[in-house]
Amino acid sequence: MSTVFVTLTDLKYYEKARQTIWELRVNGEWTGDIVLIAVDFQPEPIEGVHILDYSHSIVAGGLPLIS
């Protein structure tokens, strides 16, 4: 059994998510799997990160937007 780090972001917070992943690897010395769930946008590939594309419009009624 292993542990995976998962983060979820939309385009507005994407740079913060990238920074978190970088800090996780550098400061936290993380060597395990990383998954980034991208909501309603297609981010560029990040080496060693599994990226999942998620569109909230597929959920019945959608999700409320947070401003």
N, C-alpha and C. Protein backbone atom coordinates (compact mmCIF):
# COMPACT_ATOMS: atom_id res chain seq x y z
N MET A 1 0.85 -1.18 0.00
CA MET A 1 0.00 0.00 0.00
C MET A 1 0.90 1.24 0.00
N SER A 2 0.47 2.26 -0.75
CA SER A 2 1.24 3.50 -0.79
C SER A 2 0.30 4.69 -0.63
N THR A 3 0.91 5.83 -0.41
CA THR A 3 0.16 7.08 -0.22
C THR A 3 0.32 7.94 -1.45
N VAL A 4 -0.74 8.65 -1.81
CA VAL A 4 -0.70 9.56 -2.94
C VAL A 4 -1.13 10.95 -2.46
N PHE A 5 -0.49 11.99 -2.99
CA PHE A 5 -0.88 13.37 -2.70
C PHE A 5 -1.80 13.82 -3.82
N VAL A 6 -2.98 14.34 -3.46
CA VAL A 6 -3.96 14.80 -4.45
C VAL A 6 -4.29 16.25 -4.18
N THR A 7 -4.29 17.06 -5.24
CA THR A 7 -4.73 18.44 -5.11
C THR A 7 -5.72 18.74 -6.23
N LEU A 8 -6.66 19.60 -5.93
CA LEU A 8 -7.72 19.98 -6.88
C LEU A 8 -7.64 21.49 -7.07
N THR A 9 -7.72 21.93 -8.34
CA THR A 9 -7.61 23.35 -8.59
C THR A 9 -8.39 23.75 -9.84
N ASP A 10 -8.79 25.01 -9.87
CA ASP A 10 -9.31 25.59 -11.10
C ASP A 10 -8.21 26.50 -11.65
N LEU A 11 -8.47 27.13 -12.76
CA LEU A 11 -7.45 27.97 -13.39
C LEU A 11 -6.99 29.10 -12.48
N LYS A 12 -7.91 29.66 -11.71
CA LYS A 12 -7.59 30.80 -10.84
C LYS A 12 -6.50 30.44 -9.82
N TYR A 13 -6.51 29.22 -9.32
CA TYR A 13 -5.55 28.81 -8.28
C TYR A 13 -4.48 27.85 -8.80
N TYR A 14 -4.37 27.72 -10.12
CA TYR A 14 -3.42 26.78 -10.70
C TYR A 14 -1.98 27.06 -10.31
N GLU A 15 -1.55 28.31 -10.38
CA GLU A 15 -0.16 28.63 -10.02
C GLU A 15 0.13 28.28 -8.56
N LYS A 16 -0.85 28.48 -7.67
CA LYS A 16 -0.66 28.12 -6.26
C LYS A 16 -0.54 26.61 -6.12
N ALA A 17 -1.31 25.86 -6.91
CA ALA A 17 -1.23 24.40 -6.88
C ALA A 17 0.14 23.94 -7.37
N ARG A 18 0.64 24.55 -8.43
CA ARG A 18 1.99 24.21 -8.93
C ARG A 18 3.04 24.50 -7.87
N GLN A 19 2.91 25.63 -7.18
CA GLN A 19 3.86 25.99 -6.13
C GLN A 19 3.80 24.97 -4.99
N THR A 20 2.60 24.55 -4.63
CA THR A 20 2.44 23.55 -3.57
C THR A 20 3.12 22.24 -3.96
N ILE A 21 2.94 21.82 -5.21
CA ILE A 21 3.58 20.58 -5.68
C ILE A 21 5.10 20.72 -5.61
N TRP A 22 5.62 21.86 -6.03
CA TRP A 22 7.07 22.10 -5.99
C TRP A 22 7.58 22.04 -4.54
N GLU A 23 6.87 22.72 -3.63
CA GLU A 23 7.29 22.72 -2.23
C GLU A 23 7.19 21.33 -1.61
N LEU A 24 6.18 20.58 -2.01
CA LEU A 24 6.02 19.21 -1.54
C LEU A 24 7.24 18.37 -1.91
N ARG A 25 7.70 18.53 -3.14
CA ARG A 25 8.86 17.77 -3.61
C ARG A 25 10.17 18.26 -2.99
N VAL A 26 10.36 19.57 -2.97
CA VAL A 26 11.64 20.13 -2.53
C VAL A 26 11.73 20.18 -1.00
N ASN A 27 10.83 20.89 -0.38
CA ASN A 27 10.88 21.05 1.08
C ASN A 27 10.43 19.80 1.82
N GLY A 28 9.39 19.15 1.29
CA GLY A 28 8.85 17.97 1.95
C GLY A 28 9.52 16.67 1.53
N GLU A 29 10.41 16.76 0.53
CA GLU A 29 11.13 15.60 0.02
C GLU A 29 10.19 14.45 -0.36
N TRP A 30 9.02 14.81 -0.93
CA TRP A 30 8.02 13.84 -1.34
C TRP A 30 8.51 13.10 -2.58
N THR A 31 8.45 11.77 -2.54
CA THR A 31 8.84 10.95 -3.69
C THR A 31 7.69 10.07 -4.18
N GLY A 32 6.54 10.20 -3.54
CA GLY A 32 5.39 9.39 -3.92
C GLY A 32 4.63 9.97 -5.09
N ASP A 33 3.51 9.33 -5.40
CA ASP A 33 2.67 9.77 -6.51
C ASP A 33 1.97 11.08 -6.18
N ILE A 34 1.72 11.88 -7.24
CA ILE A 34 1.00 13.15 -7.13
C ILE A 34 -0.08 13.17 -8.21
N VAL A 35 -1.29 13.57 -7.81
CA VAL A 35 -2.40 13.71 -8.75
C VAL A 35 -2.92 15.14 -8.66
N LEU A 36 -3.06 15.77 -9.80
CA LEU A 36 -3.65 17.11 -9.89
C LEU A 36 -4.98 16.98 -10.61
N ILE A 37 -6.06 17.39 -9.97
CA ILE A 37 -7.37 17.40 -10.59
C ILE A 37 -7.64 18.83 -11.05
N ALA A 38 -7.75 19.00 -12.36
CA ALA A 38 -7.95 20.32 -12.96
C ALA A 38 -9.43 20.49 -13.30
N VAL A 39 -10.05 21.51 -12.74
CA VAL A 39 -11.48 21.75 -12.93
C VAL A 39 -11.69 22.78 -14.05
N ASP A 40 -12.29 22.32 -15.12
CA ASP A 40 -12.70 23.18 -16.24
C ASP A 40 -11.56 23.86 -16.99
N PHE A 41 -10.37 23.27 -17.01
CA PHE A 41 -9.29 23.78 -17.84
C PHE A 41 -8.27 22.66 -18.08
N GLN A 42 -7.43 22.83 -19.07
CA GLN A 42 -6.42 21.85 -19.44
C GLN A 42 -5.04 22.42 -19.10
N PRO A 43 -4.45 22.01 -17.97
CA PRO A 43 -3.12 22.53 -17.64
C PRO A 43 -2.04 21.86 -18.48
N GLU A 44 -0.90 22.54 -18.59
CA GLU A 44 0.23 21.93 -19.28
C GLU A 44 0.75 20.77 -18.41
N PRO A 45 1.38 19.79 -19.03
CA PRO A 45 1.91 18.65 -18.26
C PRO A 45 2.95 19.10 -17.24
N ILE A 46 2.97 18.42 -16.11
CA ILE A 46 3.97 18.64 -15.07
C ILE A 46 4.67 17.29 -14.89
N GLU A 47 5.98 17.30 -15.01
CA GLU A 47 6.73 16.05 -14.92
C GLU A 47 6.43 15.31 -13.62
N GLY A 48 6.07 14.05 -13.75
CA GLY A 48 5.83 13.21 -12.59
C GLY A 48 4.48 13.39 -11.92
N VAL A 49 3.59 14.18 -12.55
CA VAL A 49 2.27 14.44 -11.95
C VAL A 49 1.20 13.88 -12.88
N HIS A 50 0.30 13.09 -12.32
CA HIS A 50 -0.84 12.57 -13.07
C HIS A 50 -1.92 13.66 -13.05
N ILE A 51 -2.37 14.08 -14.23
CA ILE A 51 -3.36 15.16 -14.32
C ILE A 51 -4.70 14.58 -14.77
N LEU A 52 -5.74 14.87 -14.00
CA LEU A 52 -7.10 14.46 -14.34
C LEU A 52 -7.91 15.70 -14.67
N ASP A 53 -8.62 15.66 -15.78
CA ASP A 53 -9.47 16.78 -16.19
C ASP A 53 -10.88 16.53 -15.67
N TYR A 54 -11.44 17.52 -15.01
CA TYR A 54 -12.77 17.40 -14.44
C TYR A 54 -13.59 18.61 -14.83
N SER A 55 -14.78 18.36 -15.34
CA SER A 55 -15.70 19.45 -15.68
C SER A 55 -16.90 19.36 -14.76
N HIS A 56 -17.13 20.39 -13.96
CA HIS A 56 -18.24 20.34 -12.99
C HIS A 56 -19.60 20.35 -13.69
N SER A 57 -19.64 20.65 -14.95
CA SER A 57 -20.91 20.68 -15.65
C SER A 57 -21.53 19.29 -15.82
N ILE A 58 -20.74 18.23 -15.59
CA ILE A 58 -21.29 16.88 -15.73
C ILE A 58 -22.04 16.45 -14.48
N VAL A 59 -21.92 17.20 -13.40
CA VAL A 59 -22.64 16.89 -12.17
C VAL A 59 -24.03 17.50 -12.27
N ALA A 60 -25.06 16.74 -11.91
CA ALA A 60 -26.43 17.24 -11.99
C ALA A 60 -26.55 18.54 -11.20
N GLY A 61 -26.90 19.59 -11.88
CA GLY A 61 -27.04 20.89 -11.23
C GLY A 61 -25.74 21.64 -11.09
N GLY A 62 -24.62 21.00 -11.37
CA GLY A 62 -23.32 21.65 -11.25
C GLY A 62 -22.94 21.92 -9.82
N LEU A 63 -21.82 22.53 -9.64
CA LEU A 63 -21.33 22.91 -8.32
C LEU A 63 -21.37 24.42 -8.22
N PRO A 64 -21.63 24.94 -7.04
CA PRO A 64 -21.63 26.41 -6.90
C PRO A 64 -20.22 26.96 -7.11
N LEU A 65 -20.12 28.08 -7.80
CA LEU A 65 -18.83 28.71 -8.00
C LEU A 65 -18.45 29.52 -6.76
N ILE A 66 -17.19 29.46 -6.41
CA ILE A 66 -16.68 30.20 -5.26
C ILE A 66 -15.92 31.40 -5.78
N SER A 67 -16.29 32.58 -5.36
CA SER A 67 -15.61 33.77 -5.87
C SER A 67 -14.56 34.26 -4.91
